[in-house]
Amino acid sequence: MQVLPNMRTIFLRVFAFSLVILSSRSVFPQAAVLLEEPYGVFGELNPTGHAALYFEHICADTPVHLRRCLPDETGIVISRYKGIAGYDWVAIPLVPYLYAVEDPDRVPTKVDQETVDRLRDHYRELRLADLGDKLPKGNFFNGGWTEMVGVSYDRRMYAFRFATTPAQDDALIARLNATPNESHFNILFNNCADFDRSILNSYFPHKFGRTLLPDLGITTPKHLAYSLEKYASHHPQTDLTIFVIPQVPGYRHGSNSTDGVAESFIKRGYVLPIIVLNPYVAGGILADYLIRGRYPLIPRGTPVLQPDDLQPLTQMLEPELTESSPRPDNPDTPVQPSLKVPAVASPSTLAPSQQIEPPANAPSPIQEKSTNHE
């Protein structure tokens, strides 16, 4: 007579275990387009800014060899540079990329040139030996290694976070590790935004291309962000969320807003000589700017990420499965669940001091690196 109670107990345990499995929530990795504002004299002359990509699920053995992250790692930033030991792209962990330190608690609240130089030199000696001893710091025309260490001392940036899958991240790791990492940088047709565009197309096939209008066929960080926002507006499973990573004060004047090509011609007055030479071309540039060159990117009240509060970028997302999620454009790619942003990322849950509004004179921020100044 003990058989029935035992069977009942086993059944209840199996049933309870099944409920736990079915109700448990998976987590998914995430990535972000980092749109970085231009700064300095060159940033005034060429306000197109710089673009980089952050991956929460991807880390690096060296600055030029990728792997999956270990549980306590927070991902890397990958970007295309010019003049970095002949490499096309370099990967730097997120916190050093932003602040030139490995411990967020060591990020100063205000810096001067001596402090920035000391932090950057220390990190280079500690972690960038694989890139050689003769890395240039950069100059007015060409970028150097200082553009990829302590970037937040130079400029403000915006993180356009989106959801990925482990399979997509693994495919990118394999692709970049297998492809020759040799620099072919060209500011017009093979710049930092072109590198990001090629990677984004592996996550969202055929959605990021060059456009004749409004940027004359040049890939710019601003239009890259616009394309991602436009795609995400029709594909909720992308889970696009925008954050501000502010510039650490003291080292430089505040960075500037980012413009596209036609926008730069109009706002910087570069169109004036063209009016004299060919008023029809000048009229076309003006029409291009008015019709296609103005689009807001940064909503008001965008959440701010401080050095000690980068979790919205560095923690995996918790998705809620829905049957209404649109299917990806690539039928070979599994359907990505619709994702909910954690409460910490919601502007309404942040104090007013933690929220930021975009500059009044800039519909969008996207920005440029220090000396590479694409």
Protein backbone atom coordinates (compact mmCIF):
# COMPACT_ATOMS: atom_id res chain seq x y z
CA MET A 1 0.00 0.00 0.00
CA GLN A 2 3.03 2.29 0.04
CA VAL A 3 3.18 2.34 -3.76
CA LEU A 4 0.49 4.97 -4.26
CA PRO A 5 1.93 7.55 -1.85
CA ASN A 6 5.35 7.10 -3.39
CA MET A 7 3.97 7.50 -6.88
CA ARG A 8 2.03 10.57 -5.80
CA THR A 9 5.15 12.09 -4.23
CA ILE A 10 7.22 11.45 -7.35
CA PHE A 11 4.51 12.95 -9.55
CA LEU A 12 4.27 16.10 -7.41
CA ARG A 13 8.02 16.58 -7.43
CA VAL A 14 8.24 16.16 -11.19
CA PHE A 15 5.33 18.55 -11.65
CA ALA A 16 6.90 21.17 -9.35
CA PHE A 17 10.25 20.86 -11.11
CA SER A 18 8.55 21.31 -14.49
CA LEU A 19 6.86 24.48 -13.28
CA VAL A 20 10.18 25.89 -12.12
CA ILE A 21 11.77 25.16 -15.49
CA LEU A 22 8.88 26.61 -17.46
CA SER A 23 8.62 29.72 -15.32
CA SER A 24 12.35 30.44 -15.19
CA ARG A 25 13.45 33.35 -17.34
CA SER A 26 16.33 33.12 -19.74
CA VAL A 27 18.75 35.96 -20.19
CA PHE A 28 20.12 37.30 -23.43
CA PRO A 29 23.27 39.28 -24.20
CA GLN A 30 23.22 42.82 -25.44
CA ALA A 31 25.32 45.24 -27.44
CA ALA A 32 25.36 48.98 -28.09
CA VAL A 33 26.35 51.47 -30.74
CA LEU A 34 28.45 54.14 -29.02
CA LEU A 35 28.00 57.50 -30.72
CA GLU A 36 30.74 59.82 -29.56
CA GLU A 37 30.71 63.57 -29.85
CA PRO A 38 33.50 65.48 -31.64
CA TYR A 39 35.80 67.72 -29.64
CA GLY A 40 38.67 70.13 -30.08
CA VAL A 41 39.55 72.17 -33.16
CA PHE A 42 39.30 69.25 -35.54
CA GLY A 43 35.92 68.38 -34.08
CA GLU A 44 34.74 71.88 -34.95
CA LEU A 45 35.97 71.53 -38.51
CA ASN A 46 34.69 67.97 -38.95
CA PRO A 47 31.72 67.44 -36.63
CA THR A 48 30.73 63.98 -37.86
CA GLY A 49 31.98 62.33 -34.65
CA HIS A 50 33.08 58.77 -33.97
CA ALA A 51 31.26 55.46 -33.66
CA ALA A 52 32.21 52.30 -31.78
CA LEU A 53 30.45 49.07 -30.78
CA TYR A 54 30.14 47.60 -27.29
CA PHE A 55 29.39 43.90 -26.70
CA GLU A 56 28.43 42.68 -23.25
CA HIS A 57 28.95 39.00 -24.19
CA ILE A 58 32.30 39.35 -26.03
CA CYS A 59 35.71 39.80 -24.40
CA ALA A 60 39.31 39.62 -25.59
CA ASP A 61 42.49 37.68 -24.79
CA THR A 62 44.47 40.48 -26.42
CA PRO A 63 43.33 43.75 -28.05
CA VAL A 64 43.14 41.88 -31.37
CA HIS A 65 41.77 38.42 -30.43
CA LEU A 66 38.21 37.87 -29.20
CA ARG A 67 36.51 35.25 -27.05
CA ARG A 68 33.40 34.79 -24.93
CA CYS A 69 33.34 36.63 -21.61
CA LEU A 70 33.83 34.91 -18.28
CA PRO A 71 31.11 35.43 -15.64
CA ASP A 72 32.82 38.38 -13.94
CA GLU A 73 33.75 40.28 -17.14
CA THR A 74 31.79 43.20 -18.57
CA GLY A 75 32.53 43.05 -22.30
CA ILE A 76 34.59 45.05 -24.76
CA VAL A 77 34.38 48.01 -27.11
CA ILE A 78 35.47 47.37 -30.70
CA SER A 79 36.23 50.11 -33.17
CA ARG A 80 38.22 50.90 -36.30
CA TYR A 81 41.24 53.15 -35.89
CA LYS A 82 44.03 54.54 -38.00
CA GLY A 83 47.65 54.22 -36.99
CA ILE A 84 47.34 51.45 -34.34
CA ALA A 85 50.24 49.15 -35.27
CA GLY A 86 48.67 48.50 -38.67
CA TYR A 87 45.52 46.90 -37.24
CA ASP A 88 42.06 47.59 -38.63
CA TRP A 89 40.20 47.16 -35.33
CA VAL A 90 41.13 47.00 -31.66
CA ALA A 91 39.12 45.72 -28.69
CA ILE A 92 39.33 47.37 -25.26
CA PRO A 93 37.34 46.40 -22.11
CA LEU A 94 34.46 48.78 -21.43
CA VAL A 95 35.63 50.48 -18.22
CA PRO A 96 39.22 51.15 -19.42
CA TYR A 97 37.84 52.34 -22.73
CA LEU A 98 35.72 54.90 -20.94
CA TYR A 99 37.95 55.83 -17.99
CA ALA A 100 41.48 54.34 -18.41
CA VAL A 101 41.10 52.34 -15.17
CA GLU A 102 39.88 48.79 -14.53
CA ASP A 103 38.01 49.50 -11.30
CA PRO A 104 35.01 51.86 -11.65
CA ASP A 105 35.53 52.98 -8.05
CA ARG A 106 38.84 54.55 -9.11
CA VAL A 107 37.31 56.87 -11.72
CA PRO A 108 37.96 60.49 -10.66
CA THR A 109 35.05 62.92 -10.58
CA LYS A 110 37.22 65.63 -12.13
CA VAL A 111 40.50 65.42 -14.00
CA ASP A 112 43.30 67.53 -15.40
CA GLN A 113 45.80 66.76 -18.16
CA GLU A 114 48.37 65.32 -15.76
CA THR A 115 45.82 62.89 -14.29
CA VAL A 116 44.54 61.77 -17.69
CA ASP A 117 48.07 61.23 -19.01
CA ARG A 118 49.04 59.23 -15.93
CA LEU A 119 45.97 56.99 -16.09
CA ARG A 120 46.35 56.37 -19.81
CA ASP A 121 50.09 55.67 -19.63
CA HIS A 122 49.58 53.24 -16.75
CA TYR A 123 46.92 51.31 -18.64
CA ARG A 124 49.02 51.18 -21.79
CA GLU A 125 51.98 49.74 -19.91
CA LEU A 126 49.72 47.25 -18.17
CA ARG A 127 47.49 46.01 -21.00
CA LEU A 128 48.59 47.22 -24.44
CA ALA A 129 52.05 45.67 -24.67
CA ASP A 130 50.79 43.33 -27.44
CA LEU A 131 50.40 46.37 -29.70
CA GLY A 132 54.11 47.19 -29.53
CA ASP A 133 56.26 49.86 -27.93
CA LYS A 134 55.94 52.48 -30.66
CA LEU A 135 52.24 53.24 -30.57
CA PRO A 136 51.66 56.88 -31.59
CA LYS A 137 49.59 59.07 -29.30
CA GLY A 138 48.20 60.78 -32.37
CA ASN A 139 48.17 64.31 -33.69
CA PHE A 140 45.83 66.79 -35.31
CA PHE A 141 45.30 64.67 -38.43
CA ASN A 142 45.92 61.08 -37.37
CA GLY A 143 44.56 59.21 -34.40
CA GLY A 144 46.56 57.30 -31.82
CA TRP A 145 46.14 54.90 -28.94
CA THR A 146 44.85 57.62 -26.59
CA GLU A 147 41.61 57.60 -28.60
CA MET A 148 40.72 54.17 -27.23
CA VAL A 149 41.66 54.61 -23.57
CA GLY A 150 39.84 57.06 -21.29
CA VAL A 151 37.50 58.28 -24.01
CA SER A 152 35.08 59.86 -21.51
CA TYR A 153 37.72 62.40 -20.53
CA ASP A 154 37.50 63.78 -24.07
CA ARG A 155 33.84 63.59 -24.97
CA ARG A 156 30.29 62.69 -24.14
CA MET A 157 28.77 59.67 -25.83
CA TYR A 158 25.41 57.99 -26.30
CA ALA A 159 24.86 54.24 -26.07
CA PHE A 160 22.16 52.80 -28.34
CA ARG A 161 21.68 49.45 -26.67
CA PHE A 162 20.08 46.51 -28.50
CA ALA A 163 19.54 42.82 -27.83
CA THR A 164 21.67 40.09 -29.41
CA THR A 165 21.84 36.29 -29.16
CA PRO A 166 24.76 34.07 -28.10
CA ALA A 167 24.81 32.56 -31.60
CA GLN A 168 25.18 35.99 -33.21
CA ASP A 169 27.97 36.97 -30.84
CA ASP A 170 29.81 33.67 -31.41
CA ALA A 171 29.56 34.18 -35.16
CA LEU A 172 31.08 37.66 -34.86
CA ILE A 173 33.93 36.32 -32.69
CA ALA A 174 34.70 33.66 -35.27
CA ARG A 175 34.48 36.12 -38.15
CA LEU A 176 36.79 38.76 -36.69
CA ASN A 177 39.30 36.21 -35.40
CA ALA A 178 39.47 34.50 -38.80
CA THR A 179 39.65 37.63 -40.97
CA PRO A 180 43.02 39.40 -41.45
CA ASN A 181 43.07 42.40 -39.14
CA GLU A 182 44.88 44.82 -41.42
CA SER A 183 44.14 48.51 -41.64
CA HIS A 184 42.57 49.92 -44.80
CA PHE A 185 41.25 53.08 -43.18
CA ASN A 186 39.77 55.74 -45.41
CA ILE A 187 37.92 58.69 -43.89
CA LEU A 188 35.37 58.80 -46.72
CA PHE A 189 34.62 55.18 -47.58
CA ASN A 190 36.22 52.93 -44.96
CA ASN A 191 35.88 54.84 -41.71
CA CYS A 192 34.78 53.86 -38.20
CA ALA A 193 31.08 54.00 -39.12
CA ASP A 194 31.67 51.73 -42.12
CA PHE A 195 33.20 49.13 -39.79
CA ASP A 196 30.20 49.35 -37.47
CA ARG A 197 27.83 49.17 -40.43
CA SER A 198 29.36 45.90 -41.62
CA ILE A 199 29.00 44.36 -38.16
CA LEU A 200 25.44 45.58 -37.68
CA ASN A 201 24.52 44.00 -41.01
CA SER A 202 25.57 40.64 -39.59
CA TYR A 203 23.04 41.14 -36.76
CA PHE A 204 20.35 42.79 -38.92
CA PRO A 205 20.98 41.62 -42.50
CA HIS A 206 20.82 44.22 -45.27
CA LYS A 207 19.49 47.00 -43.04
CA PHE A 208 22.52 49.31 -42.96
CA GLY A 209 23.80 50.77 -46.21
CA ARG A 210 25.24 53.91 -47.71
CA THR A 211 22.84 56.65 -48.71
CA LEU A 212 23.40 59.33 -51.31
CA LEU A 213 21.16 61.63 -49.26
CA PRO A 214 21.77 63.19 -46.81
CA ASP A 215 25.47 62.25 -46.51
CA LEU A 216 26.66 62.11 -50.13
CA GLY A 217 27.30 58.38 -49.93
CA ILE A 218 29.51 58.64 -46.82
CA THR A 219 28.65 56.49 -43.81
CA THR A 220 28.35 58.75 -40.76
CA PRO A 221 27.77 57.88 -37.10
CA LYS A 222 24.63 60.01 -37.02
CA HIS A 223 22.95 58.21 -39.89
CA LEU A 224 24.06 54.85 -38.50
CA ALA A 225 22.20 55.63 -35.28
CA TYR A 226 19.19 56.86 -37.23
CA SER A 227 19.08 53.60 -39.22
CA LEU A 228 19.20 51.57 -36.01
CA GLU A 229 16.41 53.63 -34.44
CA LYS A 230 14.30 53.31 -37.58
CA TYR A 231 14.78 49.54 -37.67
CA ALA A 232 14.01 49.17 -33.96
CA SER A 233 10.79 51.18 -34.31
CA HIS A 234 9.42 48.40 -36.55
CA HIS A 235 11.02 45.50 -34.65
CA PRO A 236 10.26 45.72 -30.90
CA GLN A 237 12.34 42.61 -30.20
CA THR A 238 15.42 44.75 -30.85
CA ASP A 239 14.76 46.30 -27.42
CA LEU A 240 16.52 49.53 -28.33
CA THR A 241 17.25 51.75 -25.34
CA ILE A 242 19.37 54.92 -25.32
CA PHE A 243 21.70 56.01 -22.51
CA VAL A 244 24.01 58.96 -21.96
CA ILE A 245 27.58 58.43 -20.79
CA PRO A 246 28.67 61.93 -19.75
CA GLN A 247 32.07 63.50 -20.25
CA VAL A 248 34.22 63.63 -17.13
CA PRO A 249 34.87 67.35 -16.54
CA GLY A 250 38.19 69.11 -16.18
CA TYR A 251 40.41 67.83 -18.99
CA ARG A 252 38.73 69.45 -21.99
CA HIS A 253 35.92 71.80 -22.80
CA GLY A 254 32.63 70.06 -23.36
CA SER A 255 32.39 68.10 -26.59
CA ASN A 256 30.21 69.33 -29.44
CA SER A 257 27.05 68.05 -31.06
CA THR A 258 27.32 65.75 -34.04
CA ASP A 259 26.24 66.57 -37.58
CA GLY A 260 25.85 64.72 -40.83
CA VAL A 261 27.60 65.79 -44.04
CA ALA A 262 24.90 68.10 -45.46
CA GLU A 263 24.23 69.43 -41.96
CA SER A 264 27.92 70.30 -41.55
CA PHE A 265 27.97 72.17 -44.86
CA ILE A 266 25.02 74.31 -43.80
CA LYS A 267 25.85 74.91 -40.12
CA ARG A 268 29.59 75.48 -40.60
CA GLY A 269 29.16 77.73 -43.62
CA TYR A 270 31.05 75.41 -45.96
CA VAL A 271 28.24 75.88 -48.46
CA LEU A 272 29.12 79.56 -49.03
CA PRO A 273 32.00 78.99 -51.50
CA ILE A 274 29.82 76.45 -53.30
CA ILE A 275 27.13 79.12 -53.76
CA VAL A 276 29.66 81.21 -55.67
CA LEU A 277 30.95 78.31 -57.75
CA ASN A 278 27.66 76.55 -58.43
CA PRO A 279 24.44 77.83 -56.85
CA TYR A 280 22.52 74.78 -58.09
CA VAL A 281 24.75 72.40 -56.15
CA ALA A 282 24.46 74.66 -53.09
CA GLY A 283 20.69 74.63 -53.44
CA GLY A 284 20.75 70.84 -53.63
CA ILE A 285 22.77 70.62 -50.41
CA LEU A 286 20.34 72.97 -48.67
CA ALA A 287 17.34 70.95 -49.87
CA ASP A 288 19.05 67.74 -48.79
CA TYR A 289 19.60 69.15 -45.31
CA LEU A 290 16.04 70.45 -44.97
CA ILE A 291 14.37 67.29 -46.27
CA ARG A 292 16.63 64.43 -45.13
CA GLY A 293 19.39 65.89 -42.98
CA ARG A 294 17.45 66.78 -39.83
CA TYR A 295 16.25 63.99 -37.59
CA PRO A 296 16.15 63.89 -33.78
CA LEU A 297 17.90 60.93 -32.16
CA ILE A 298 18.09 61.56 -28.42
CA PRO A 299 14.82 61.72 -26.46
CA ARG A 300 14.46 64.08 -23.53
CA GLY A 301 15.07 62.59 -20.12
CA THR A 302 17.53 60.00 -21.47
CA PRO A 303 18.98 57.95 -18.55
CA VAL A 304 22.53 58.78 -17.54
CA LEU A 305 25.11 56.07 -16.82
CA GLN A 306 27.74 56.97 -14.25
CA PRO A 307 31.01 55.02 -13.71
CA ASP A 308 29.56 53.19 -10.70
CA ASP A 309 26.24 52.43 -12.42
CA LEU A 310 26.94 50.82 -15.80
CA GLN A 311 24.71 47.80 -15.11
CA PRO A 312 22.15 48.63 -17.81
CA LEU A 313 24.96 47.95 -20.30
CA THR A 314 26.91 45.23 -18.53
CA GLN A 315 24.13 42.92 -17.32
CA MET A 316 22.29 40.49 -19.58
CA LEU A 317 18.68 41.25 -20.46
CA GLU A 318 15.73 39.29 -19.09
CA PRO A 319 13.25 38.68 -21.92
CA GLU A 320 9.51 38.09 -21.88
CA LEU A 321 8.49 35.66 -24.60
CA THR A 322 5.67 36.79 -26.86
CA GLU A 323 4.14 35.15 -29.90
CA SER A 324 3.63 38.54 -31.51
CA SER A 325 7.34 39.27 -31.88
CA PRO A 326 8.12 39.94 -35.55
CA ARG A 327 10.25 37.35 -37.27
CA PRO A 328 13.76 38.40 -38.26
CA ASP A 329 14.43 39.29 -41.85
CA ASN A 330 16.86 36.39 -42.12
CA PRO A 331 14.72 33.21 -41.95
CA ASP A 332 17.75 31.19 -40.80
CA THR A 333 17.99 33.29 -37.66
CA PRO A 334 15.87 32.12 -34.71
CA VAL A 335 13.10 34.42 -33.52
CA GLN A 336 14.39 36.81 -30.89
CA PRO A 337 12.08 37.19 -27.88
CA SER A 338 10.57 40.54 -27.11
CA LEU A 339 12.53 42.13 -24.28
CA LYS A 340 11.66 44.43 -21.44
CA VAL A 341 14.13 47.02 -20.21
CA PRO A 342 14.96 46.66 -16.50
CA ALA A 343 13.34 49.27 -14.29
CA VAL A 344 16.70 50.89 -13.63
CA ALA A 345 16.84 52.00 -17.25
CA SER A 346 13.54 53.81 -17.22
CA PRO A 347 13.85 57.61 -17.15
CA SER A 348 10.84 57.88 -14.86
CA THR A 349 12.64 55.91 -12.17
CA LEU A 350 15.65 58.21 -12.15
CA ALA A 351 16.10 61.32 -10.11
CA PRO A 352 16.16 64.59 -12.06
CA SER A 353 19.91 64.89 -11.42
CA GLN A 354 20.43 61.58 -13.25
CA GLN A 355 18.60 62.67 -16.39
CA ILE A 356 20.00 64.69 -19.22
CA GLU A 357 18.55 66.55 -22.14
CA PRO A 358 20.25 66.76 -25.51
CA PRO A 359 21.87 70.06 -26.46
CA ALA A 360 19.42 72.56 -27.86
CA ASN A 361 21.46 73.05 -31.04
CA ALA A 362 21.87 69.36 -31.78
CA PRO A 363 19.07 67.06 -32.84
CA SER A 364 21.37 64.14 -32.26
CA PRO A 365 24.71 63.35 -30.80
CA ILE A 366 27.18 61.16 -32.48
CA GLN A 367 30.67 61.76 -32.21
CA GLU A 368 34.25 61.73 -33.13
CA LYS A 369 37.42 60.48 -31.73
CA SER A 370 40.25 62.46 -30.49
CA THR A 371 42.89 62.61 -33.12
CA ASN A 372 41.54 60.25 -35.71
CA HIS A 373 38.65 62.71 -36.14
CA GLU A 374 36.67 60.87 -38.75
